[in-house]
Amino acid sequence: MFSHVMPFHREIIGARYNLRVEDLTAADLLVVTCSGCGRIYRLAPAELRSRFQPYERIMYVAERFQCRSCRGGGCEWHTERAVSPSP
């Protein structure tokens, strides 16, 4: 087990309407929040690449998500990036 977890901070990687799956690095996460129940899903770029084409825009990918808890539609999303902890 790891003694510490790499912290993530909200990060603007690029223009929201133009951000693509291929723009995400291994240090990034796509964080999707259900508008209905507030459940939060964190998706690694590798998971997105296995399900979507690299050229697909994140805003269109996020529209396809449906919450597993409430089956509600409408999700908000943002990106986060891992940062090195301060010594």
Protein backbone atom coordinates (compact mmCIF):
# COMPACT_ATOMS: atom_id res chain seq x y z
CA MET A 1 0.00 0.00 0.00
CA PHE A 2 1.20 3.51 -0.75
CA SER A 3 2.21 5.69 2.16
CA HIS A 4 0.79 8.75 0.45
CA VAL A 5 -1.45 9.53 -2.47
CA MET A 6 -0.52 12.02 -5.16
CA PRO A 7 -2.77 15.06 -4.72
CA PHE A 8 -4.82 16.31 -7.65
CA HIS A 9 -5.81 19.90 -8.31
CA ARG A 10 -8.39 21.30 -10.69
CA GLU A 11 -6.58 22.25 -13.86
CA ILE A 12 -7.60 24.00 -17.06
CA ILE A 13 -5.79 22.01 -19.72
CA GLY A 14 -7.27 23.78 -22.72
CA ALA A 15 -10.37 25.40 -24.09
CA ARG A 16 -13.33 23.43 -22.71
CA TYR A 17 -15.08 23.16 -26.09
CA ASN A 18 -11.94 21.97 -27.86
CA LEU A 19 -10.38 19.57 -25.32
CA ARG A 20 -9.99 16.06 -26.76
CA VAL A 21 -9.32 12.64 -25.24
CA GLU A 22 -5.81 12.71 -26.74
CA ASP A 23 -5.02 15.95 -24.88
CA LEU A 24 -5.18 14.23 -21.48
CA THR A 25 -1.89 12.96 -20.06
CA ALA A 26 -1.30 10.15 -17.59
CA ALA A 27 -1.25 12.77 -14.80
CA ASP A 28 -4.79 13.94 -15.59
CA LEU A 29 -8.25 12.85 -14.47
CA LEU A 30 -11.66 13.57 -15.91
CA VAL A 31 -13.96 14.29 -12.98
CA VAL A 32 -17.66 13.87 -13.76
CA THR A 33 -20.34 14.90 -11.24
CA CYS A 34 -23.96 13.77 -11.56
CA SER A 35 -26.31 16.75 -11.55
CA GLY A 36 -29.08 14.59 -10.05
CA CYS A 37 -27.49 12.98 -6.99
CA GLY A 38 -24.05 14.60 -6.79
CA ARG A 39 -22.08 11.35 -7.14
CA ILE A 40 -18.53 11.93 -8.40
CA TYR A 41 -16.74 9.71 -10.90
CA ARG A 42 -13.00 10.03 -11.59
CA LEU A 43 -11.83 8.61 -14.90
CA ALA A 44 -8.22 8.07 -15.93
CA PRO A 45 -7.21 8.86 -19.52
CA ALA A 46 -6.41 5.18 -20.18
CA GLU A 47 -10.03 4.27 -19.39
CA LEU A 48 -11.30 6.98 -21.73
CA ARG A 49 -8.93 5.88 -24.51
CA SER A 50 -10.20 2.32 -24.27
CA ARG A 51 -13.79 3.49 -24.84
CA PHE A 52 -13.49 6.52 -27.13
CA GLN A 53 -11.49 7.66 -30.15
CA PRO A 54 -8.54 9.98 -29.38
CA TYR A 55 -9.97 12.80 -31.49
CA GLU A 56 -13.33 12.87 -29.65
CA ARG A 57 -14.00 16.05 -27.69
CA ILE A 58 -14.38 15.63 -23.94
CA MET A 59 -17.57 17.72 -23.89
CA TYR A 60 -19.26 15.18 -26.20
CA VAL A 61 -17.81 12.22 -24.30
CA ALA A 62 -19.17 13.61 -21.00
CA GLU A 63 -22.65 14.00 -22.52
CA ARG A 64 -22.81 10.21 -22.93
CA PHE A 65 -22.27 9.47 -19.24
CA GLN A 66 -25.18 8.33 -17.12
CA CYS A 67 -25.00 8.00 -13.35
CA ARG A 68 -25.03 4.42 -12.06
CA SER A 69 -26.77 5.44 -8.83
CA CYS A 70 -29.75 7.49 -9.94
CA ARG A 71 -29.67 6.84 -13.70
CA GLY A 72 -30.12 10.57 -14.09
CA GLY A 73 -28.86 12.48 -17.06
CA GLY A 74 -26.88 15.64 -17.07
CA CYS A 75 -23.37 15.57 -15.74
CA GLU A 76 -20.91 18.37 -15.04
CA TRP A 77 -17.22 17.77 -15.68
CA HIS A 78 -13.79 19.26 -15.16
CA THR A 79 -10.19 18.06 -15.36
CA GLU A 80 -7.69 17.59 -12.57
CA ARG A 81 -3.94 17.09 -12.73
CA ALA A 82 -1.63 15.33 -10.27
CA VAL A 83 0.86 17.59 -8.56
CA SER A 84 3.99 16.66 -6.66
CA PRO A 85 3.60 17.07 -2.91
CA SER A 86 5.77 19.79 -1.37
CA PRO A 87 8.72 18.45 0.62
